[in-house]
Amino acid sequence: CRGKAGNWDGEGGRDTDEVFVDGEPLRETSDIPTKPGRFHYDHDRKTLSVWLTDSQDPRTKTIEAIRRGNGLVIRGSHVHVEGFVIRNVALQLVYIRRGDHNVILNNVLRYSAGNDGIHLTRGADHNLVKNNSISHVVYTGVEISRNSNYNTIQGNEISHCCSEGIIIQNGDSGGVGHKFIGNTIHHVFNEDGIDLKCGRDLLVRGNTIYKCSNLGVQIFNHQG
């Protein structure tokens, strides 16, 4: 999950290289590809080399490389986001910071090469994340952090995460009143389905969790 060869800009701590052919990702290699389904980016020569999975002519395909950090950033309130397909970003697919009463509903969120599917942070309160399909993220499907409260995460399908499916991240003494209801979480490769590191008055009900490398639900409260 996190073992890629490098970054597009040649610096920083995030693995954000990603190449897609007709919407499907290739695997990065440390040198010129010697097998189908691989790509390599030479930072010195600024040259991208690809060997397509089906060995066809690349000129007949749509080839995309990640350049954008976040797919959607919300810093306000009462924003309703419904029916979007957001894919192929270097950081978060959806990032809500200090926003309240926002709704993220019925969206398809795919392929974050360096962070989360949805991240609510720094006082993001009373937001609803419902019935979204979130998959193929290098960290967490849905992360709540930094004194954010009363968010509802409901009815989402979250899969193919390198870290947790859902997490309340340790930090400030926030994490009050969140609800995690009826989500389906599977194929979590390194961590837990749901990990509650801080907070109180939380509701976890009716979730289906399978194929996680660690625990289905973990309560690991740093704040006591």
Protein backbone atom coordinates (compact mmCIF):
# COMPACT_ATOMS: atom_id res chain seq x y z
CA CYS A 1 0.00 0.00 0.00
CA ARG A 2 2.69 2.48 0.96
CA GLY A 3 5.66 1.00 -0.84
CA LYS A 4 5.77 3.12 -3.96
CA ALA A 5 9.00 4.32 -5.49
CA GLY A 6 8.69 8.07 -5.01
CA ASN A 7 6.74 11.30 -5.46
CA TRP A 8 6.05 13.34 -8.57
CA ASP A 9 7.90 16.35 -7.16
CA GLY A 10 10.71 14.23 -5.78
CA GLU A 11 10.21 15.45 -2.22
CA GLY A 12 7.85 15.23 0.75
CA GLY A 13 6.65 12.29 2.79
CA ARG A 14 3.55 11.23 0.83
CA ASP A 15 3.42 8.66 -1.94
CA THR A 16 1.32 10.52 -4.46
CA ASP A 17 2.48 9.03 -7.76
CA GLU A 18 -0.44 7.45 -9.57
CA VAL A 19 -1.19 6.73 -13.21
CA PHE A 20 -4.57 5.60 -14.53
CA VAL A 21 -5.44 4.06 -17.89
CA ASP A 22 -9.12 4.38 -18.78
CA GLY A 23 -9.78 4.89 -15.07
CA GLU A 24 -7.82 1.87 -13.79
CA PRO A 25 -4.54 2.30 -11.88
CA LEU A 26 -1.16 0.96 -12.92
CA ARG A 27 1.46 -0.19 -10.42
CA GLU A 28 4.59 1.92 -9.98
CA THR A 29 8.08 0.47 -10.45
CA SER A 30 11.49 1.86 -9.51
CA ASP A 31 12.78 1.60 -13.08
CA ILE A 32 11.53 1.22 -16.67
CA PRO A 33 8.63 -1.29 -16.59
CA THR A 34 9.48 -4.89 -17.47
CA LYS A 35 5.94 -6.26 -17.04
CA PRO A 36 2.45 -5.24 -18.19
CA GLY A 37 0.36 -3.05 -15.90
CA ARG A 38 3.32 -0.98 -14.67
CA PHE A 39 4.59 2.59 -14.91
CA HIS A 40 7.73 4.53 -14.02
CA TYR A 41 8.33 8.26 -13.73
CA ASP A 42 11.88 9.54 -14.22
CA HIS A 43 12.14 12.74 -12.15
CA ASP A 44 15.41 13.84 -13.71
CA ARG A 45 14.26 13.44 -17.32
CA LYS A 46 10.59 14.20 -16.49
CA THR A 47 9.57 11.20 -18.56
CA LEU A 48 6.66 8.86 -17.90
CA SER A 49 6.98 5.26 -19.14
CA VAL A 50 3.98 2.91 -19.13
CA TRP A 51 3.41 -0.71 -20.12
CA LEU A 52 -0.33 -1.19 -20.40
CA THR A 53 -2.00 -4.22 -18.85
CA ASP A 54 -3.18 -5.43 -22.25
CA SER A 55 0.04 -4.33 -24.01
CA GLN A 56 -1.92 -2.14 -26.41
CA ASP A 57 -0.78 1.15 -27.91
CA PRO A 58 -0.99 3.87 -25.20
CA ARG A 59 -2.14 6.36 -27.84
CA THR A 60 -5.46 4.47 -28.03
CA LYS A 61 -6.14 4.98 -24.30
CA THR A 62 -6.98 7.78 -21.89
CA ILE A 63 -3.96 8.10 -19.63
CA GLU A 64 -4.18 10.31 -16.53
CA ALA A 65 -1.65 11.22 -13.85
CA ILE A 66 -2.47 12.78 -10.48
CA ARG A 67 -1.80 16.49 -10.17
CA ARG A 68 -4.51 17.70 -7.80
CA GLY A 69 -4.16 17.55 -4.03
CA ASN A 70 -7.77 17.39 -2.79
CA GLY A 71 -10.85 16.52 -4.78
CA LEU A 72 -13.26 18.80 -2.87
CA VAL A 73 -12.52 21.16 0.03
CA ILE A 74 -15.40 22.57 2.11
CA ARG A 75 -14.62 25.38 4.57
CA GLY A 76 -18.20 26.59 4.95
CA SER A 77 -21.56 25.37 6.17
CA HIS A 78 -24.85 24.04 4.72
CA VAL A 79 -23.18 22.68 1.57
CA HIS A 80 -24.98 19.73 -0.06
CA VAL A 81 -22.84 17.48 -2.28
CA GLU A 82 -24.77 14.71 -4.04
CA GLY A 83 -24.21 12.43 -7.02
CA PHE A 84 -20.59 13.26 -7.82
CA VAL A 85 -17.81 10.94 -8.94
CA ILE A 86 -14.56 12.20 -7.41
CA ARG A 87 -11.44 10.18 -8.15
CA ASN A 88 -7.67 10.16 -8.58
CA VAL A 89 -6.31 12.68 -6.06
CA ALA A 90 -3.07 12.94 -4.13
CA LEU A 91 -4.62 13.78 -0.73
CA GLN A 92 -8.24 13.74 0.51
CA LEU A 93 -11.09 13.08 -1.86
CA VAL A 94 -13.38 15.25 0.33
CA TYR A 95 -12.00 17.55 3.06
CA ILE A 96 -14.31 19.42 5.47
CA ARG A 97 -12.59 21.92 7.76
CA ARG A 98 -14.53 23.93 10.35
CA GLY A 99 -17.72 23.40 8.35
CA ASP A 100 -21.02 22.39 9.93
CA HIS A 101 -24.35 21.01 8.73
CA ASN A 102 -22.90 19.86 5.40
CA VAL A 103 -24.27 16.80 3.58
CA ILE A 104 -22.13 14.37 1.55
CA LEU A 105 -24.67 12.03 -0.03
CA ASN A 106 -24.66 9.31 -2.72
CA ASN A 107 -21.21 10.06 -4.12
CA VAL A 108 -18.57 7.73 -5.57
CA LEU A 109 -15.12 8.47 -4.16
CA ARG A 110 -12.19 6.49 -5.58
CA TYR A 111 -8.40 6.44 -5.37
CA SER A 112 -6.61 8.70 -2.93
CA ALA A 113 -2.90 8.09 -3.35
CA GLY A 114 -1.78 9.87 -0.19
CA ASN A 115 -4.54 10.32 2.38
CA ASP A 116 -8.23 9.78 3.25
CA GLY A 117 -11.50 9.32 1.44
CA ILE A 118 -13.35 11.88 3.62
CA HIS A 119 -11.72 13.90 6.41
CA LEU A 120 -13.68 16.06 8.88
CA THR A 121 -11.42 18.21 11.02
CA ARG A 122 -10.87 21.34 13.16
CA GLY A 123 -14.38 21.75 14.47
CA ALA A 124 -16.36 20.15 11.65
CA ASP A 125 -19.67 19.59 13.49
CA HIS A 126 -23.13 18.19 12.66
CA ASN A 127 -22.17 16.92 9.19
CA LEU A 128 -23.89 13.98 7.47
CA VAL A 129 -21.89 11.50 5.37
CA LYS A 130 -24.42 9.06 3.95
CA ASN A 131 -24.72 6.36 1.27
CA ASN A 132 -21.36 7.07 -0.36
CA SER A 133 -19.08 4.49 -1.97
CA ILE A 134 -15.51 5.10 -0.77
CA SER A 135 -12.64 2.88 -1.88
CA HIS A 136 -8.95 2.54 -2.71
CA VAL A 137 -7.46 5.06 -0.28
CA VAL A 138 -3.94 4.94 1.08
CA TYR A 139 -5.05 5.88 4.60
CA THR A 140 -8.57 5.94 6.06
CA GLY A 141 -12.00 5.77 4.46
CA VAL A 142 -13.53 8.37 6.83
CA GLU A 143 -11.44 10.23 9.41
CA ILE A 144 -12.74 12.58 12.13
CA SER A 145 -10.17 14.64 14.00
CA ARG A 146 -9.32 17.81 15.93
CA ASN A 147 -12.29 18.60 18.11
CA SER A 148 -15.04 17.76 15.61
CA ASN A 149 -18.39 16.68 17.08
CA TYR A 150 -21.87 15.30 16.34
CA ASN A 151 -21.17 13.94 12.86
CA THR A 152 -23.20 11.07 11.40
CA ILE A 153 -21.51 8.47 9.17
CA GLN A 154 -24.32 6.28 7.83
CA GLY A 155 -24.95 3.69 5.13
CA ASN A 156 -21.60 4.06 3.37
CA GLU A 157 -19.65 1.27 1.70
CA ILE A 158 -15.98 1.67 2.59
CA SER A 159 -13.40 -0.71 1.16
CA HIS A 160 -9.79 -1.23 0.09
CA CYS A 161 -8.24 1.06 2.70
CA CYS A 162 -4.59 0.77 3.71
CA SER A 163 -5.45 2.11 7.17
CA GLU A 164 -8.76 2.15 9.11
CA GLY A 165 -12.18 2.08 7.49
CA ILE A 166 -13.43 4.76 9.94
CA ILE A 167 -11.40 6.48 12.66
CA ILE A 168 -11.83 9.13 15.33
CA GLN A 169 -8.24 10.24 15.47
CA ASN A 170 -6.51 10.87 18.77
CA GLY A 171 -5.89 14.54 19.47
CA ASP A 172 -8.00 17.15 21.19
CA SER A 173 -10.70 16.11 23.63
CA GLY A 174 -13.34 16.25 20.90
CA GLY A 175 -15.20 13.41 19.32
CA VAL A 176 -18.49 13.94 21.13
CA GLY A 177 -21.78 12.53 19.87
CA HIS A 178 -20.73 10.88 16.62
CA LYS A 179 -22.96 8.19 15.09
CA PHE A 180 -21.72 5.31 12.93
CA ILE A 181 -24.77 3.49 11.63
CA GLY A 182 -25.30 0.83 8.98
CA ASN A 183 -21.96 1.13 7.19
CA THR A 184 -20.39 -1.76 5.28
CA ILE A 185 -16.61 -1.89 5.74
CA HIS A 186 -14.36 -4.49 4.13
CA HIS A 187 -10.88 -5.11 2.77
CA VAL A 188 -9.03 -3.01 5.35
CA PHE A 189 -5.43 -4.06 4.84
CA ASN A 190 -3.45 -2.80 7.86
CA GLU A 191 -5.81 -1.64 10.61
CA ASP A 192 -9.33 -1.81 12.08
CA GLY A 193 -12.76 -1.51 10.56
CA ILE A 194 -13.76 1.20 13.08
CA ASP A 195 -11.18 2.68 15.49
CA LEU A 196 -12.39 5.05 18.24
CA LYS A 197 -9.28 6.66 19.71
CA CYS A 198 -11.01 9.45 21.63
CA GLY A 199 -14.43 10.89 22.39
CA ARG A 200 -17.57 10.08 24.33
CA ASP A 201 -21.30 9.50 23.82
CA LEU A 202 -20.67 7.64 20.57
CA LEU A 203 -23.14 5.35 18.81
CA VAL A 204 -21.94 2.36 16.76
CA ARG A 205 -24.88 0.34 15.44
CA GLY A 206 -25.73 -2.07 12.64
CA ASN A 207 -22.41 -1.97 10.77
CA THR A 208 -21.17 -4.91 8.67
CA ILE A 209 -17.39 -5.35 8.92
CA TYR A 210 -15.29 -8.09 7.35
CA LYS A 211 -11.86 -8.80 5.87
CA CYS A 212 -9.92 -6.47 8.19
CA SER A 213 -6.32 -7.26 9.10
CA ASN A 214 -6.79 -6.18 12.73
CA LEU A 215 -10.05 -5.66 14.69
CA GLY A 216 -13.58 -5.08 13.51
CA VAL A 217 -14.21 -2.37 16.13
CA GLN A 218 -11.57 -1.01 18.50
CA ILE A 219 -12.19 1.37 21.42
CA PHE A 220 -8.78 2.74 22.33
CA ASN A 221 -9.52 5.93 24.20
CA HIS A 222 -6.46 8.09 24.80
CA GLN A 223 -8.65 10.60 26.63
CA GLY A 224 -9.89 8.11 29.23
